[in-house]
Amino acid sequence: MKARLIVTVIIIFLLLPISVIADETSPVDRLDQLSDEALQMIKLHRYEDAKKLLDYFSEQFVEFSAKGRSFTADELRIVTISYDEAVQAAANATIKHEEKINRVTKFRLVMDAITSPYEPLWTEMESPILTVFGQVKEAAYEGNKDQFHTSLNTFLSLYDMIYPSMKINVETERIQRIDARVQFLDKYRSQILTETASHMELEALEADLQMLFNDMTEDEADPSLWWVIISTGSIIILTLSYVGWRKYKGAREKEKPLSRRQKD
């Protein structure tokens, strides 16, 4: 009974700081929430509300940056560009609803990529992107010109949506290799359709994309979380060992008088 009580107290003590931290929303997480709220407003056709949220995001972002948050140069550039596109989408009445969603989604994914380096939201685009790319391949192999261009345009739209976020979470050389293949596919459409040898580019790009998503969605825990798990487990084991030793020692002490009586 005492052992259980001690272990329970230790677990609560160790996890209490984590719980407190989890309940507190950091400034950068709040920025991420604002980007999500703006996207929800866009989806509901509440464009003015979305614009207000984006304006407030800008104010908070400037204030947060002024307090010393060390965004990298690439992060600042990517956030700024995607933010400008989102604001334009919310404010411009001539932009279609679907395009508004795409632009603000791009911005939302960028903010998530900064705050969630482990399995960011853009990796959830794996299924639609690879599905559409499969349609691109099929149309190319069959020589279906109309279907090829339609599917390729859809793929490029999805790729454009996640590209800024990818640049935040993925090493530069890898992104450059993938982007070069995508640009080749777009630039030499007719060649891809007419030359069988060019189909190798399709296979190579598909393999690169599949490997990228696989690598990004591996089960990676935050190193600090592993440290907490190991520390907690070690302390619990040591505590149980100590309690067990005390219990064993107490039992041995009780056996000594009994042994003496038997001898007498």
Protein backbone atom coordinates (compact mmCIF):
# COMPACT_ATOMS: atom_id res chain seq x y z
CA MET A 1 0.00 0.00 0.00
CA LYS A 2 2.79 2.37 0.93
CA ALA A 3 4.66 1.50 -2.27
CA ARG A 4 1.68 2.43 -4.43
CA LEU A 5 1.26 5.68 -2.58
CA ILE A 6 4.92 6.62 -3.03
CA VAL A 7 4.89 5.79 -6.75
CA THR A 8 1.69 7.77 -7.26
CA VAL A 9 3.11 10.81 -5.51
CA ILE A 10 6.30 10.64 -7.62
CA ILE A 11 4.37 10.39 -10.89
CA ILE A 12 2.17 13.36 -9.97
CA PHE A 13 5.22 15.35 -8.92
CA LEU A 14 7.07 14.65 -12.18
CA LEU A 15 4.15 15.22 -14.49
CA LEU A 16 2.80 18.32 -12.76
CA PRO A 17 5.27 20.74 -14.44
CA ILE A 18 4.43 19.19 -17.82
CA SER A 19 0.72 19.67 -17.23
CA VAL A 20 1.22 23.28 -16.23
CA ILE A 21 3.29 23.97 -19.33
CA ALA A 22 0.73 22.24 -21.55
CA ASP A 23 -2.05 24.48 -20.20
CA GLU A 24 -0.11 27.63 -21.04
CA THR A 25 -0.37 28.77 -24.65
CA SER A 26 2.93 30.15 -25.88
CA PRO A 27 2.93 33.25 -28.13
CA VAL A 28 3.98 31.25 -31.19
CA ASP A 29 1.23 28.70 -30.54
CA ARG A 30 -1.24 31.57 -30.31
CA LEU A 31 -0.06 32.78 -33.71
CA ASP A 32 -0.67 29.29 -35.03
CA GLN A 33 -4.19 29.34 -33.56
CA LEU A 34 -4.91 32.68 -35.22
CA SER A 35 -3.93 31.29 -38.62
CA ASP A 36 -6.30 28.37 -38.04
CA GLU A 37 -9.14 30.66 -36.95
CA ALA A 38 -8.64 32.78 -40.07
CA LEU A 39 -8.89 29.66 -42.23
CA GLN A 40 -12.11 28.60 -40.53
CA MET A 41 -13.60 32.04 -41.20
CA ILE A 42 -12.65 31.76 -44.88
CA LYS A 43 -14.33 28.36 -45.11
CA LEU A 44 -17.50 29.90 -43.66
CA HIS A 45 -17.37 32.75 -46.24
CA ARG A 46 -16.77 35.21 -43.40
CA TYR A 47 -14.05 37.05 -45.27
CA GLU A 48 -14.14 40.27 -43.24
CA ASP A 49 -13.71 38.35 -40.00
CA ALA A 50 -10.83 36.44 -41.56
CA LYS A 51 -9.20 39.73 -42.58
CA LYS A 52 -9.54 41.08 -39.02
CA LEU A 53 -7.92 37.94 -37.63
CA LEU A 54 -5.08 38.24 -40.10
CA ASP A 55 -4.57 41.90 -39.20
CA TYR A 56 -4.44 40.93 -35.53
CA PHE A 57 -1.99 38.17 -36.41
CA SER A 58 0.29 40.76 -38.00
CA GLU A 59 0.23 42.90 -34.86
CA GLN A 60 0.98 39.94 -32.60
CA PHE A 61 3.68 38.64 -34.92
CA VAL A 62 5.51 41.98 -34.92
CA GLU A 63 5.21 42.23 -31.14
CA PHE A 64 6.39 38.67 -30.65
CA SER A 65 9.35 39.15 -33.00
CA ALA A 66 10.32 42.36 -31.21
CA LYS A 67 10.56 40.45 -27.93
CA GLY A 68 13.38 38.34 -29.29
CA ARG A 69 11.75 35.30 -30.89
CA SER A 70 14.50 34.09 -33.20
CA PHE A 71 12.83 33.24 -36.49
CA THR A 72 15.30 32.27 -39.16
CA ALA A 73 15.62 34.40 -42.26
CA ASP A 74 13.90 31.69 -44.32
CA GLU A 75 11.05 31.41 -41.82
CA LEU A 76 10.48 35.16 -41.85
CA ARG A 77 10.48 35.29 -45.63
CA ILE A 78 8.14 32.30 -45.98
CA VAL A 79 5.72 33.57 -43.32
CA THR A 80 5.66 37.04 -44.86
CA ILE A 81 4.96 35.81 -48.39
CA SER A 82 2.28 33.32 -47.36
CA TYR A 83 0.70 35.91 -45.04
CA ASP A 84 0.49 38.50 -47.83
CA GLU A 85 -1.20 35.95 -50.08
CA ALA A 86 -3.68 35.09 -47.33
CA VAL A 87 -4.54 38.76 -46.71
CA GLN A 88 -5.03 39.35 -50.42
CA ALA A 89 -7.32 36.34 -50.61
CA ALA A 90 -9.44 37.54 -47.70
CA ALA A 91 -9.66 41.14 -48.93
CA ASN A 92 -10.06 40.64 -52.69
CA ALA A 93 -13.68 40.00 -53.65
CA THR A 94 -12.74 38.88 -57.17
CA ILE A 95 -10.84 35.82 -55.94
CA LYS A 96 -12.94 32.66 -56.00
CA HIS A 97 -13.83 30.94 -52.75
CA GLU A 98 -11.77 27.82 -53.55
CA GLU A 99 -8.70 29.93 -54.26
CA LYS A 100 -9.22 31.85 -51.02
CA ILE A 101 -9.23 28.56 -49.13
CA ASN A 102 -6.09 27.38 -50.92
CA ARG A 103 -4.13 30.55 -50.12
CA VAL A 104 -5.13 30.75 -46.48
CA THR A 105 -4.53 27.01 -46.10
CA LYS A 106 -1.01 27.55 -47.40
CA PHE A 107 -0.47 30.19 -44.72
CA ARG A 108 -1.99 27.92 -42.06
CA LEU A 109 0.35 25.08 -43.01
CA VAL A 110 3.36 27.39 -42.84
CA MET A 111 2.57 28.42 -39.26
CA ASP A 112 2.00 24.81 -38.27
CA ALA A 113 5.30 23.78 -39.86
CA ILE A 114 7.08 26.29 -37.62
CA THR A 115 5.32 25.21 -34.42
CA SER A 116 5.07 21.46 -35.17
CA PRO A 117 8.33 20.11 -36.63
CA TYR A 118 7.24 16.54 -35.85
CA GLU A 119 4.61 15.30 -38.31
CA PRO A 120 3.39 18.77 -39.41
CA LEU A 121 -0.05 19.19 -40.95
CA TRP A 122 1.22 19.35 -44.51
CA THR A 123 2.14 15.65 -44.32
CA GLU A 124 -1.61 14.90 -44.20
CA MET A 125 -1.67 15.92 -47.86
CA GLU A 126 0.17 12.72 -48.76
CA SER A 127 -2.90 10.80 -49.91
CA PRO A 128 -4.45 13.46 -52.20
CA ILE A 129 -1.09 14.44 -53.68
CA LEU A 130 0.03 10.89 -54.46
CA THR A 131 -3.44 9.95 -55.71
CA VAL A 132 -3.53 12.85 -58.16
CA PHE A 133 0.04 12.15 -59.23
CA GLY A 134 -0.99 8.56 -59.96
CA GLN A 135 -3.62 9.99 -62.30
CA VAL A 136 -0.92 12.10 -63.96
CA LYS A 137 1.17 8.99 -64.59
CA GLU A 138 -1.76 6.99 -65.89
CA ALA A 139 -2.77 9.72 -68.34
CA ALA A 140 0.83 10.09 -69.54
CA TYR A 141 1.24 6.37 -70.16
CA GLU A 142 -2.07 6.22 -72.03
CA GLY A 143 -1.32 9.40 -74.00
CA ASN A 144 -4.53 11.00 -72.76
CA LYS A 145 -3.65 14.63 -73.34
CA ASP A 146 -6.69 16.30 -71.76
CA GLN A 147 -6.64 14.14 -68.66
CA PHE A 148 -2.89 14.59 -68.32
CA HIS A 149 -3.07 18.38 -68.29
CA THR A 150 -6.08 18.41 -65.96
CA SER A 151 -4.47 16.05 -63.45
CA LEU A 152 -1.11 17.79 -63.67
CA ASN A 153 -2.68 21.19 -62.97
CA THR A 154 -4.40 19.72 -59.91
CA PHE A 155 -1.15 18.20 -58.71
CA LEU A 156 0.71 21.48 -59.17
CA SER A 157 -1.96 23.32 -57.19
CA LEU A 158 -1.63 20.90 -54.27
CA TYR A 159 2.16 20.97 -54.47
CA ASP A 160 2.14 24.78 -54.43
CA MET A 161 0.01 24.67 -51.27
CA ILE A 162 2.52 22.62 -49.26
CA TYR A 163 5.78 23.80 -50.86
CA PRO A 164 6.45 26.71 -48.43
CA SER A 165 5.84 24.43 -45.45
CA MET A 166 8.11 21.77 -46.88
CA LYS A 167 10.92 24.31 -47.10
CA ILE A 168 10.62 24.88 -43.36
CA ASN A 169 10.76 21.23 -42.29
CA VAL A 170 12.91 19.59 -44.98
CA GLU A 171 16.57 20.06 -45.78
CA THR A 172 17.29 22.43 -48.66
CA GLU A 173 19.05 19.98 -50.99
CA ARG A 174 16.17 17.54 -50.85
CA ILE A 175 13.58 20.21 -51.55
CA GLN A 176 15.60 21.55 -54.45
CA ARG A 177 15.82 18.09 -56.01
CA ILE A 178 12.09 17.51 -55.74
CA ASP A 179 11.22 21.00 -56.96
CA ALA A 180 13.51 20.63 -59.96
CA ARG A 181 11.63 17.48 -60.99
CA VAL A 182 8.27 19.23 -60.53
CA GLN A 183 9.39 22.21 -62.62
CA PHE A 184 10.66 19.88 -65.37
CA LEU A 185 7.32 18.10 -65.41
CA ASP A 186 5.45 21.38 -65.81
CA LYS A 187 7.82 22.89 -68.38
CA TYR A 188 8.12 19.85 -70.65
CA ARG A 189 4.53 18.61 -70.62
CA SER A 190 4.43 17.72 -74.29
CA GLN A 191 7.71 15.84 -74.01
CA ILE A 192 6.40 13.80 -71.07
CA LEU A 193 3.36 12.86 -73.16
CA THR A 194 5.17 11.91 -76.35
CA GLU A 195 8.50 10.45 -75.20
CA THR A 196 8.50 7.18 -73.32
CA ALA A 197 11.98 7.88 -71.94
CA SER A 198 10.59 10.92 -70.13
CA HIS A 199 8.35 8.65 -68.09
CA MET A 200 11.40 7.95 -65.94
CA GLU A 201 11.01 11.48 -64.55
CA LEU A 202 7.51 10.61 -63.41
CA GLU A 203 8.75 7.50 -61.63
CA ALA A 204 11.63 9.38 -60.02
CA LEU A 205 9.41 12.19 -58.77
CA GLU A 206 6.84 9.76 -57.38
CA ALA A 207 9.59 7.88 -55.52
CA ASP A 208 10.99 11.12 -54.09
CA LEU A 209 7.58 12.25 -52.89
CA GLN A 210 6.74 8.89 -51.36
CA MET A 211 10.05 8.73 -49.52
CA LEU A 212 9.63 12.31 -48.28
CA PHE A 213 6.22 11.62 -46.78
CA ASN A 214 7.43 8.34 -45.29
CA ASP A 215 10.37 10.04 -43.61
CA MET A 216 8.23 12.87 -42.26
CA THR A 217 5.52 10.64 -40.82
CA GLU A 218 7.80 8.27 -38.93
CA ASP A 219 6.97 8.00 -35.26
CA GLU A 220 9.38 10.55 -33.82
CA ALA A 221 8.89 11.71 -30.24
CA ASP A 222 10.25 14.94 -28.89
CA PRO A 223 13.66 14.21 -27.29
CA SER A 224 12.56 16.09 -24.17
CA LEU A 225 9.55 13.76 -23.90
CA TRP A 226 11.81 10.72 -24.08
CA TRP A 227 13.93 12.23 -21.31
CA VAL A 228 10.83 12.60 -19.11
CA ILE A 229 9.70 9.04 -19.85
CA ILE A 230 13.12 7.57 -19.07
CA SER A 231 13.55 9.68 -15.93
CA THR A 232 10.08 8.83 -14.66
CA GLY A 233 10.54 5.14 -15.36
CA SER A 234 13.94 5.05 -13.69
CA ILE A 235 12.68 6.75 -10.54
CA ILE A 236 9.68 4.45 -10.33
CA ILE A 237 11.90 1.38 -10.70
CA LEU A 238 14.32 2.65 -8.07
CA THR A 239 11.44 3.47 -5.74
CA LEU A 240 9.88 0.03 -6.13
CA SER A 241 13.27 -1.59 -5.62
CA TYR A 242 13.85 0.43 -2.45
CA VAL A 243 10.37 -0.31 -1.09
CA GLY A 244 10.82 -3.99 -1.91
CA TRP A 245 14.20 -4.05 -0.17
CA ARG A 246 12.74 -2.39 2.93
CA LYS A 247 9.89 -4.87 2.97
CA TYR A 248 12.33 -7.76 2.59
CA LYS A 249 14.57 -6.36 5.35
CA GLY A 250 11.58 -5.93 7.65
CA ALA A 251 10.52 -9.51 7.05
CA ARG A 252 14.03 -10.73 7.83
CA GLU A 253 14.07 -8.74 11.06
CA LYS A 254 10.81 -10.37 12.12
CA GLU A 255 12.20 -13.82 11.35
CA LYS A 256 15.21 -13.38 13.68
CA PRO A 257 13.30 -13.46 17.00
CA LEU A 258 11.28 -16.41 15.75
CA SER A 259 14.43 -18.32 14.88
CA ARG A 260 15.89 -17.65 18.32
CA ARG A 261 12.73 -18.93 20.05
CA GLN A 262 12.87 -22.14 18.01
CA LYS A 263 16.47 -22.68 19.06
CA ASP A 264 15.57 -22.11 22.71
